[in-house]
Structures are given as C-alpha cells and as structure tokens.
Amino acid sequence: MTGNNPTPEFWLNAIHLSFDVAIGFYVWWSNREKVTNRRFKAQEDKITAIETKIGNVPLNCSSHLKTESRLDGHNDRLSQHKELLSRIESEFKYLPKSSDLEKVYERINKIAGQMSDMKADVGKISGAMPGLTHITEMINDFLLTHGGKR
C-alpha cells in the first residue's frame, strides 16, 4: 500500500495489543484483590479464633469464677467508695466558703481595732491611777487626822 494509510495488519496488531494490555491490567487487578482478600481473611480468622477462645469458656470454669469473684469484690469496694464520697460531699456542703471566711476576718479585724482602742483607754486610766491614789491617800489622811474635829 502506498501513502500513510495503515494496513489491516496494523489494525489487527493494534487490537491485539489493546487486548493484551487489558488482560494484563485485569490480571494485575485480580492478583491485588486476591492479596487483599487473603489479608482480610487472615484477620477475620484471627478474630474468630480469639472470639472462639473467649466465647467457648464455660461459665463454671475456675478462671471465670475467680474473675467474677474479683469483679464482685471490686463492685463492693466501688459502692463503698461511692457511699463514702457522698457522705464527704454532704459534709463539705456545710463548711464555710471563702466569702464566709472573708466576713469572719473582717469581724476579727474590727474587734482587733476595738481592742487596741480599749488598750489605749486602759493605758490612760492606768496613768491617772497613781494621781488618784495619791489624792485618795491625802483625803484619807486628812479625814483620819482632822475628821473627828468639827
């Protein structure tokens, strides 16, 4: 043939090549699926084996009974802790809060101020006492010595 027209032999080879590529792609995809399926199957088998070991344990076996008794003990202790915690919470409910303590501190400071004022007043009184004592002694002495004479 002349020119640039492809021959029927070319078209036959092109079709054959495209079928070969399609079959190659199908084989590659199929093998990939098989490997993935095998992995999933292996994981499913492992899970089934574990479930079988766990699921087929008779309810009266010693390890199950030990576990069950330990679980009961833990549940008892947990309920005791729960009761204790509720009692503690009820006691804490009545404790003073920081605002209450702030009021108490204000009152204490007020009383402390009043006490310092009283201390100053007592100091003044105690300073005046020697003078009063002296005057009282003079009056007493006068009355004793001149009190009987009118």
Protein backbone atom coordinates (compact mmCIF):
# COMPACT_ATOMS: atom_id res chain seq x y z
CA MET A 1 0.00 0.00 0.00
CA THR A 2 1.05 3.44 -0.66
CA GLY A 3 0.76 6.53 1.46
CA ASN A 4 0.12 6.95 5.14
CA ASN A 5 -2.91 4.67 5.45
CA PRO A 6 -2.41 1.91 7.98
CA THR A 7 -2.72 -1.60 6.71
CA PRO A 8 -5.23 -4.10 8.02
CA GLU A 9 -2.32 -5.93 9.57
CA PHE A 10 -1.53 -2.80 11.63
CA TRP A 11 -5.11 -2.60 12.88
CA LEU A 12 -5.07 -6.24 13.80
CA ASN A 13 -1.83 -5.76 15.75
CA ALA A 14 -3.27 -2.64 17.49
CA ILE A 15 -6.41 -4.52 18.55
CA HIS A 16 -4.28 -7.45 19.73
CA LEU A 17 -2.05 -5.09 21.75
CA SER A 18 -5.03 -3.36 23.39
CA PHE A 19 -6.48 -6.78 24.38
CA ASP A 20 -3.09 -7.78 25.81
CA VAL A 21 -2.90 -4.55 27.83
CA ALA A 22 -6.49 -5.02 29.07
CA ILE A 23 -5.78 -8.64 30.07
CA GLY A 24 -2.56 -7.56 31.82
CA PHE A 25 -4.44 -4.88 33.73
CA TYR A 26 -7.16 -7.40 34.67
CA VAL A 27 -4.57 -9.93 35.91
CA TRP A 28 -2.78 -7.24 37.95
CA TRP A 29 -6.07 -6.04 39.47
CA SER A 30 -7.25 -9.57 40.18
CA ASN A 31 -3.99 -10.50 41.95
CA ARG A 32 -4.19 -7.35 44.02
CA GLU A 33 -7.74 -8.21 45.06
CA LYS A 34 -6.66 -11.77 45.95
CA VAL A 35 -3.86 -10.49 48.19
CA THR A 36 -6.19 -8.03 49.89
CA ASN A 37 -8.86 -10.69 50.35
CA ARG A 38 -6.27 -13.06 51.83
CA ARG A 39 -5.19 -10.42 54.33
CA PHE A 40 -8.78 -9.73 55.35
CA LYS A 41 -9.47 -13.45 55.61
CA ALA A 42 -6.38 -13.92 57.84
CA GLN A 43 -7.52 -11.08 60.12
CA GLU A 44 -11.06 -12.48 60.24
CA ASP A 45 -9.66 -15.90 61.14
CA LYS A 46 -7.59 -14.39 63.97
CA ILE A 47 -10.61 -12.53 65.31
CA THR A 48 -12.76 -15.65 65.04
CA ALA A 49 -10.11 -17.68 66.89
CA ILE A 50 -9.96 -15.12 69.68
CA GLU A 51 -13.76 -14.93 69.88
CA THR A 52 -13.93 -18.72 69.96
CA LYS A 53 -11.45 -18.90 72.83
CA ILE A 54 -13.35 -16.23 74.76
CA GLY A 55 -16.81 -17.38 73.77
CA ASN A 56 -16.28 -21.07 74.46
CA VAL A 57 -15.12 -20.61 78.04
CA PRO A 58 -17.61 -22.48 80.19
CA LEU A 59 -19.31 -20.33 82.80
CA ASN A 60 -18.25 -22.61 85.64
CA CYS A 61 -14.52 -22.74 84.86
CA SER A 62 -12.20 -21.72 87.69
CA SER A 63 -10.65 -18.74 85.91
CA HIS A 64 -14.10 -17.35 85.12
CA LEU A 65 -15.22 -17.82 88.71
CA LYS A 66 -12.05 -16.14 90.02
CA THR A 67 -12.57 -13.22 87.67
CA GLU A 68 -16.21 -12.98 88.60
CA SER A 69 -15.45 -13.01 92.34
CA ARG A 70 -12.76 -10.35 91.88
CA LEU A 71 -15.25 -8.29 89.90
CA ASP A 72 -17.81 -8.65 92.69
CA GLY A 73 -15.18 -7.53 95.22
CA HIS A 74 -14.34 -4.51 93.07
CA ASN A 75 -18.04 -3.67 92.76
CA ASP A 76 -18.45 -3.86 96.55
CA ARG A 77 -15.47 -1.59 97.12
CA LEU A 78 -16.71 0.77 94.45
CA SER A 79 -20.11 1.05 96.13
CA GLN A 80 -18.40 1.66 99.50
CA HIS A 81 -16.28 4.41 97.95
CA LYS A 82 -19.39 5.87 96.37
CA GLU A 83 -21.18 6.00 99.74
CA LEU A 84 -18.12 7.50 101.42
CA LEU A 85 -17.80 10.12 98.71
CA SER A 86 -21.46 11.09 99.04
CA ARG A 87 -21.05 11.43 102.84
CA ILE A 88 -17.97 13.59 102.38
CA GLU A 89 -19.77 15.75 99.84
CA SER A 90 -22.70 16.22 102.22
CA GLU A 91 -20.27 17.28 104.99
CA PHE A 92 -18.42 19.69 102.71
CA LYS A 93 -21.72 21.29 101.84
CA TYR A 94 -21.87 22.85 105.32
CA LEU A 95 -18.27 24.06 105.50
CA PRO A 96 -17.76 27.84 105.25
CA LYS A 97 -16.94 29.21 101.85
CA SER A 98 -14.30 31.86 101.15
CA SER A 99 -16.94 34.62 101.24
CA ASP A 100 -17.99 33.44 104.71
CA LEU A 101 -14.37 33.39 105.90
CA GLU A 102 -13.88 36.87 104.47
CA LYS A 103 -16.74 38.13 106.69
CA VAL A 104 -15.19 36.39 109.71
CA TYR A 105 -11.81 38.02 109.01
CA GLU A 106 -13.47 41.43 108.70
CA ARG A 107 -15.14 40.94 112.09
CA ILE A 108 -11.86 39.80 113.68
CA ASN A 109 -10.08 42.86 112.29
CA LYS A 110 -12.86 45.13 113.59
CA ILE A 111 -12.61 43.57 117.08
CA ALA A 112 -8.81 43.89 116.96
CA GLY A 113 -9.22 47.61 116.24
CA GLN A 114 -11.65 47.99 119.12
CA MET A 115 -9.27 46.12 121.43
CA SER A 116 -6.41 48.47 120.53
CA ASP A 117 -8.69 51.44 121.30
CA MET A 118 -9.57 49.85 124.66
CA LYS A 119 -5.89 49.27 125.37
CA ALA A 120 -5.18 52.93 124.80
CA ASP A 121 -8.05 53.90 127.11
CA VAL A 122 -6.84 51.48 129.80
CA GLY A 123 -3.38 52.99 129.43
CA LYS A 124 -4.78 56.45 130.09
CA ILE A 125 -6.70 55.18 133.12
CA SER A 126 -3.66 53.38 134.50
CA GLY A 127 -1.63 56.58 134.01
CA ALA A 128 -4.18 58.52 136.03
CA MET A 129 -4.37 55.93 138.81
CA PRO A 130 -1.22 56.95 140.74
CA GLY A 131 -2.54 60.51 140.92
CA LEU A 132 -5.94 59.33 142.11
CA THR A 133 -4.30 57.03 144.60
CA HIS A 134 -2.25 59.90 145.97
CA ILE A 135 -5.32 62.16 146.24
CA THR A 136 -7.29 59.36 147.93
CA GLU A 137 -4.49 58.84 150.45
CA MET A 138 -4.39 62.57 151.18
CA ILE A 139 -8.17 62.67 151.70
CA ASN A 140 -7.99 59.57 153.88
CA ASP A 141 -5.14 61.04 155.89
CA PHE A 142 -6.97 64.31 156.32
CA LEU A 143 -10.11 62.55 157.45
CA LEU A 144 -8.18 60.44 159.90
CA THR A 145 -6.31 63.34 161.38
CA HIS A 146 -8.87 66.12 161.21
CA GLY A 147 -12.06 64.22 160.54
CA GLY A 148 -13.13 63.94 164.15
CA LYS A 149 -12.86 67.70 164.75
CA ARG A 150 -15.60 69.86 163.53
